[in-house]
Amino acid sequence: MPTTKPVPPPAAEIPVANLPLDLREWNWTNSRGVGSCAHASFVYHLRWQNQLELADQWRATHSGGESALTMQRAVRAAGLPFCATTTADPDFLDWASRTRRGAIIWFFKDHAVHFCGFANVDGQEFAILCDNNRVERYLRVERSEFLQRWKQYDGFALSTTFSPVPPTLFPAFERFK
């Protein structure tokens, strides 16, 4: 009679909000030549949370620059469930990472990116970011440096509270004779 034994889960995916390259959104400009980095980051965010039609609709109807206040207004006006911080609260990003949701954040001067989670790489903790001006590779910033810089860029983060894509399935048991 065959029996089974448990199989350990695979290592955690890095980053936790790891959208396939072909779904990552590039920044675009509006009719006045103003970049749409917050919206591009939000499209990444919605796609990660499996809101594909909503992401396409957002991409088609939003552009231009945003502030923390106007971005929250736009998300609220769309009736989307979300939470946000404007106080550089690291607990917010710990939550966004732990729940695999990610968040849009202001990072770099006048620029928004997608926070894809914290990750431990070779014993050091990093923030993993997807910059919509260079989506081919994730950026890694050591956690304490990241938190300091994020605070300097106003400490804004926003995350919708839709369910994220589940982790990759794996066989939890293997059969043997």
C-alpha atoms as a PDB file:
ATOM      1  CA  MET A   1       0.000   0.000   0.000  1.00  0.00           C
ATOM      2  CA  PRO A   2       1.454   3.412  -0.980  1.00  0.00           C
ATOM      3  CA  THR A   3       2.199   5.876   1.794  1.00  0.00           C
ATOM      4  CA  THR A   4       2.934   9.569   1.763  1.00  0.00           C
ATOM      5  CA  LYS A   5       5.436  11.866   3.336  1.00  0.00           C
ATOM      6  CA  PRO A   6       5.261  15.660   3.601  1.00  0.00           C
ATOM      7  CA  VAL A   7       7.255  17.796   1.202  1.00  0.00           C
ATOM      8  CA  PRO A   8       8.632  21.054   2.588  1.00  0.00           C
ATOM      9  CA  PRO A   9       7.332  24.202   0.897  1.00  0.00           C
ATOM     10  CA  PRO A  10       9.584  25.929  -1.611  1.00  0.00           C
ATOM     11  CA  ALA A  11      11.505  29.031  -0.575  1.00  0.00           C
ATOM     12  CA  ALA A  12       9.417  32.192  -0.447  1.00  0.00           C
ATOM     13  CA  GLU A  13       9.161  34.002  -3.750  1.00  0.00           C
ATOM     14  CA  ILE A  14      11.258  37.162  -4.011  1.00  0.00           C
ATOM     15  CA  PRO A  15       9.723  39.637  -4.228  1.00  0.00           C
ATOM     16  CA  VAL A  16       6.403  38.711  -2.664  1.00  0.00           C
ATOM     17  CA  ALA A  17       4.557  40.892  -5.207  1.00  0.00           C
ATOM     18  CA  ASN A  18       6.311  39.401  -8.232  1.00  0.00           C
ATOM     19  CA  LEU A  19       4.314  40.377 -11.294  1.00  0.00           C
ATOM     20  CA  PRO A  20       5.472  38.764 -14.566  1.00  0.00           C
ATOM     21  CA  LEU A  21       7.519  41.121 -16.718  1.00  0.00           C
ATOM     22  CA  ASP A  22       4.916  41.347 -19.485  1.00  0.00           C
ATOM     23  CA  LEU A  23       2.314  42.622 -16.968  1.00  0.00           C
ATOM     24  CA  ARG A  24       4.526  45.325 -15.419  1.00  0.00           C
ATOM     25  CA  GLU A  25       3.366  48.762 -16.536  1.00  0.00           C
ATOM     26  CA  TRP A  26       5.689  51.351 -18.012  1.00  0.00           C
ATOM     27  CA  ASN A  27       5.311  55.020 -17.121  1.00  0.00           C
ATOM     28  CA  TRP A  28       3.483  57.109 -19.731  1.00  0.00           C
ATOM     29  CA  THR A  29       2.902  60.835 -20.269  1.00  0.00           C
ATOM     30  CA  ASN A  30      -0.344  62.724 -20.552  1.00  0.00           C
ATOM     31  CA  SER A  31      -1.196  65.229 -23.323  1.00  0.00           C
ATOM     32  CA  ARG A  32       0.900  67.898 -21.557  1.00  0.00           C
ATOM     33  CA  GLY A  33       3.953  65.641 -21.327  1.00  0.00           C
ATOM     34  CA  VAL A  34       3.573  65.006 -17.587  1.00  0.00           C
ATOM     35  CA  GLY A  35       4.544  61.545 -16.390  1.00  0.00           C
ATOM     36  CA  SER A  36       2.037  59.133 -14.863  1.00  0.00           C
ATOM     37  CA  CYS A  37       4.299  57.209 -12.492  1.00  0.00           C
ATOM     38  CA  ALA A  38       1.750  56.939  -9.665  1.00  0.00           C
ATOM     39  CA  HIS A  39      -0.836  55.557 -12.083  1.00  0.00           C
ATOM     40  CA  ALA A  40       1.656  53.151 -13.683  1.00  0.00           C
ATOM     41  CA  SER A  41       2.581  51.896 -10.198  1.00  0.00           C
ATOM     42  CA  PHE A  42      -1.103  51.578  -9.341  1.00  0.00           C
ATOM     43  CA  VAL A  43      -1.741  49.555 -12.507  1.00  0.00           C
ATOM     44  CA  TYR A  44       1.047  47.170 -11.408  1.00  0.00           C
ATOM     45  CA  HIS A  45      -0.606  47.035  -7.985  1.00  0.00           C
ATOM     46  CA  LEU A  46      -4.074  46.253  -9.360  1.00  0.00           C
ATOM     47  CA  ARG A  47      -2.713  43.590 -11.692  1.00  0.00           C
ATOM     48  CA  TRP A  48      -0.872  41.958  -8.803  1.00  0.00           C
ATOM     49  CA  GLN A  49      -4.135  41.807  -6.876  1.00  0.00           C
ATOM     50  CA  ASN A  50      -5.784  40.099  -9.871  1.00  0.00           C
ATOM     51  CA  GLN A  51      -7.892  43.128 -10.793  1.00  0.00           C
ATOM     52  CA  LEU A  52      -6.933  42.930 -14.469  1.00  0.00           C
ATOM     53  CA  GLU A  53      -9.972  44.650 -15.977  1.00  0.00           C
ATOM     54  CA  LEU A  54      -9.838  47.388 -13.354  1.00  0.00           C
ATOM     55  CA  ALA A  55      -6.114  47.887 -14.064  1.00  0.00           C
ATOM     56  CA  ASP A  56      -6.803  48.266 -17.801  1.00  0.00           C
ATOM     57  CA  GLN A  57      -9.632  50.700 -17.075  1.00  0.00           C
ATOM     58  CA  TRP A  58      -7.395  52.724 -14.732  1.00  0.00           C
ATOM     59  CA  ARG A  59      -4.650  52.816 -17.381  1.00  0.00           C
ATOM     60  CA  ALA A  60      -7.129  54.115 -19.973  1.00  0.00           C
ATOM     61  CA  THR A  61      -8.694  56.813 -17.784  1.00  0.00           C
ATOM     62  CA  HIS A  62      -5.914  58.196 -15.545  1.00  0.00           C
ATOM     63  CA  SER A  63      -2.692  60.034 -16.314  1.00  0.00           C
ATOM     64  CA  GLY A  64      -0.482  62.844 -15.142  1.00  0.00           C
ATOM     65  CA  GLY A  65       1.100  63.650 -11.826  1.00  0.00           C
ATOM     66  CA  GLU A  66      -0.473  63.051  -8.432  1.00  0.00           C
ATOM     67  CA  SER A  67       0.102  63.941  -4.806  1.00  0.00           C
ATOM     68  CA  ALA A  68      -0.649  61.660  -1.872  1.00  0.00           C
ATOM     69  CA  LEU A  69      -3.935  63.516  -1.389  1.00  0.00           C
ATOM     70  CA  THR A  70      -5.055  63.451  -5.026  1.00  0.00           C
ATOM     71  CA  MET A  71      -4.107  59.790  -5.441  1.00  0.00           C
ATOM     72  CA  GLN A  72      -6.172  58.840  -2.400  1.00  0.00           C
ATOM     73  CA  ARG A  73      -9.066  60.932  -3.748  1.00  0.00           C
ATOM     74  CA  ALA A  74      -8.898  59.150  -7.109  1.00  0.00           C
ATOM     75  CA  VAL A  75      -8.879  55.689  -5.497  1.00  0.00           C
ATOM     76  CA  ARG A  76     -11.702  56.677  -3.135  1.00  0.00           C
ATOM     77  CA  ALA A  77     -13.743  58.156  -6.037  1.00  0.00           C
ATOM     78  CA  ALA A  78     -13.397  54.828  -7.858  1.00  0.00           C
ATOM     79  CA  GLY A  79     -14.903  53.115  -4.794  1.00  0.00           C
ATOM     80  CA  LEU A  80     -11.882  50.873  -4.238  1.00  0.00           C
ATOM     81  CA  PRO A  81     -11.059  49.458  -0.800  1.00  0.00           C
ATOM     82  CA  PHE A  82      -7.693  50.753   0.336  1.00  0.00           C
ATOM     83  CA  CYS A  83      -5.548  51.907   3.206  1.00  0.00           C
ATOM     84  CA  ALA A  84      -2.712  54.411   3.155  1.00  0.00           C
ATOM     85  CA  THR A  85      -0.100  56.178   5.231  1.00  0.00           C
ATOM     86  CA  THR A  86       1.537  59.569   4.880  1.00  0.00           C
ATOM     87  CA  THR A  87       3.771  59.201   7.952  1.00  0.00           C
ATOM     88  CA  ALA A  88       6.486  56.814   6.715  1.00  0.00           C
ATOM     89  CA  ASP A  89       5.125  54.118   9.014  1.00  0.00           C
ATOM     90  CA  PRO A  90       7.322  51.038   8.510  1.00  0.00           C
ATOM     91  CA  ASP A  91       4.570  48.852  10.023  1.00  0.00           C
ATOM     92  CA  PHE A  92       2.415  49.695   7.008  1.00  0.00           C
ATOM     93  CA  LEU A  93       5.028  48.332   4.607  1.00  0.00           C
ATOM     94  CA  ASP A  94       5.676  45.328   6.860  1.00  0.00           C
ATOM     95  CA  TRP A  95       1.930  44.596   6.596  1.00  0.00           C
ATOM     96  CA  ALA A  96       1.945  45.142   2.809  1.00  0.00           C
ATOM     97  CA  SER A  97       4.868  42.724   2.522  1.00  0.00           C
ATOM     98  CA  ARG A  98       3.573  40.110   4.994  1.00  0.00           C
ATOM     99  CA  THR A  99       0.147  39.995   3.300  1.00  0.00           C
ATOM    100  CA  ARG A 100       1.766  39.882  -0.176  1.00  0.00           C
ATOM    101  CA  ARG A 101      -0.148  43.011  -1.276  1.00  0.00           C
ATOM    102  CA  GLY A 102       2.643  45.478  -1.993  1.00  0.00           C
ATOM    103  CA  ALA A 103       1.945  49.214  -2.200  1.00  0.00           C
ATOM    104  CA  ILE A 104       2.536  52.261  -4.318  1.00  0.00           C
ATOM    105  CA  ILE A 105       5.014  54.644  -2.731  1.00  0.00           C
ATOM    106  CA  TRP A 106       6.760  57.905  -3.476  1.00  0.00           C
ATOM    107  CA  PHE A 107      10.440  57.146  -3.969  1.00  0.00           C
ATOM    108  CA  PHE A 108      13.086  59.194  -5.757  1.00  0.00           C
ATOM    109  CA  LYS A 109      12.414  62.890  -6.370  1.00  0.00           C
ATOM    110  CA  ASP A 110       8.869  63.427  -7.653  1.00  0.00           C
ATOM    111  CA  HIS A 111       8.480  59.771  -8.567  1.00  0.00           C
ATOM    112  CA  ALA A 112       6.261  56.844  -7.567  1.00  0.00           C
ATOM    113  CA  VAL A 113       7.209  53.163  -7.742  1.00  0.00           C
ATOM    114  CA  HIS A 114       5.661  49.904  -6.646  1.00  0.00           C
ATOM    115  CA  PHE A 115       6.898  48.509  -3.322  1.00  0.00           C
ATOM    116  CA  CYS A 116       7.018  44.757  -3.949  1.00  0.00           C
ATOM    117  CA  GLY A 117       7.879  43.727  -0.402  1.00  0.00           C
ATOM    118  CA  PHE A 118      10.783  43.191   1.939  1.00  0.00           C
ATOM    119  CA  ALA A 119      13.081  40.236   1.324  1.00  0.00           C
ATOM    120  CA  ASN A 120      15.968  38.651   3.154  1.00  0.00           C
ATOM    121  CA  VAL A 121      18.813  38.089   0.714  1.00  0.00           C
ATOM    122  CA  ASP A 122      22.016  36.513   2.044  1.00  0.00           C
ATOM    123  CA  GLY A 123      21.175  37.557   5.602  1.00  0.00           C
ATOM    124  CA  GLN A 124      20.413  41.172   4.760  1.00  0.00           C
ATOM    125  CA  GLU A 125      16.927  42.673   4.452  1.00  0.00           C
ATOM    126  CA  PHE A 126      16.060  44.662   1.349  1.00  0.00           C
ATOM    127  CA  ALA A 127      13.065  46.564   0.017  1.00  0.00           C
ATOM    128  CA  ILE A 128      12.271  45.345  -3.484  1.00  0.00           C
ATOM    129  CA  LEU A 129      10.885  47.989  -5.861  1.00  0.00           C
ATOM    130  CA  CYS A 130       9.520  48.024  -9.391  1.00  0.00           C
ATOM    131  CA  ASP A 131      10.335  51.357 -11.024  1.00  0.00           C
ATOM    132  CA  ASN A 132       7.955  52.016 -13.914  1.00  0.00           C
ATOM    133  CA  ASN A 133      10.768  53.750 -15.825  1.00  0.00           C
ATOM    134  CA  ARG A 134      12.813  50.521 -15.841  1.00  0.00           C
ATOM    135  CA  VAL A 135      10.532  47.525 -15.319  1.00  0.00           C
ATOM    136  CA  GLU A 136      12.944  44.846 -16.570  1.00  0.00           C
ATOM    137  CA  ARG A 137      14.712  44.466 -13.206  1.00  0.00           C
ATOM    138  CA  TYR A 138      13.600  44.967  -9.647  1.00  0.00           C
ATOM    139  CA  LEU A 139      15.562  47.440  -7.548  1.00  0.00           C
ATOM    140  CA  ARG A 140      16.921  46.338  -4.174  1.00  0.00           C
ATOM    141  CA  VAL A 141      17.536  48.896  -1.428  1.00  0.00           C
ATOM    142  CA  GLU A 142      18.816  47.875   2.006  1.00  0.00           C
ATOM    143  CA  ARG A 143      15.951  48.228   4.492  1.00  0.00           C
ATOM    144  CA  SER A 144      17.315  50.955   6.782  1.00  0.00           C
ATOM    145  CA  GLU A 145      18.510  53.058   3.834  1.00  0.00           C
ATOM    146  CA  PHE A 146      15.163  52.504   2.106  1.00  0.00           C
ATOM    147  CA  LEU A 147      13.135  53.564   5.157  1.00  0.00           C
ATOM    148  CA  GLN A 148      15.250  56.689   5.600  1.00  0.00           C
ATOM    149  CA  ARG A 149      14.893  57.672   1.925  1.00  0.00           C
ATOM    150  CA  TRP A 150      11.158  56.821   1.857  1.00  0.00           C
ATOM    151  CA  LYS A 151      10.636  59.167   4.797  1.00  0.00           C
ATOM    152  CA  GLN A 152      12.519  61.916   2.934  1.00  0.00           C
ATOM    153  CA  TYR A 153      10.156  61.429  -0.005  1.00  0.00           C
ATOM    154  CA  ASP A 154       7.134  62.138   2.274  1.00  0.00           C
ATOM    155  CA  GLY A 155       6.486  58.581   3.498  1.00  0.00           C
ATOM    156  CA  PHE A 156       3.367  57.977   1.396  1.00  0.00           C
ATOM    157  CA  ALA A 157       2.163  54.443   0.666  1.00  0.00           C
ATOM    158  CA  LEU A 158      -1.182  53.150  -0.582  1.00  0.00           C
ATOM    159  CA  SER A 159      -2.426  49.593  -0.888  1.00  0.00           C
ATOM    160  CA  THR A 160      -5.783  48.301  -1.988  1.00  0.00           C
ATOM    161  CA  THR A 161      -7.142  45.514   0.147  1.00  0.00           C
ATOM    162  CA  PHE A 162      -8.155  43.092  -2.566  1.00  0.00           C
ATOM    163  CA  SER A 163      -6.714  39.622  -2.116  1.00  0.00           C
ATOM    164  CA  PRO A 164      -3.290  39.223  -3.695  1.00  0.00           C
ATOM    165  CA  VAL A 165      -2.405  36.440  -6.073  1.00  0.00           C
ATOM    166  CA  PRO A 166      -1.900  33.264  -3.996  1.00  0.00           C
ATOM    167  CA  PRO A 167       1.566  31.768  -3.612  1.00  0.00           C
ATOM    168  CA  THR A 168       2.657  29.199  -6.167  1.00  0.00           C
ATOM    169  CA  LEU A 169       1.080  25.803  -5.559  1.00  0.00           C
ATOM    170  CA  PHE A 170       3.358  22.885  -4.759  1.00  0.00           C
ATOM    171  CA  PRO A 171       2.810  19.210  -3.963  1.00  0.00           C
ATOM    172  CA  ALA A 172       2.565  19.096  -0.157  1.00  0.00           C
ATOM    173  CA  PHE A 173       2.983  15.313  -0.048  1.00  0.00           C
ATOM    174  CA  GLU A 174       4.815  12.775  -2.098  1.00  0.00           C
ATOM    175  CA  ARG A 175       3.777   9.182  -2.491  1.00  0.00           C
ATOM    176  CA  PHE A 176       6.218   6.358  -2.142  1.00  0.00           C
ATOM    177  CA  LYS A 177       6.000   2.572  -1.840  1.00  0.00           C
END
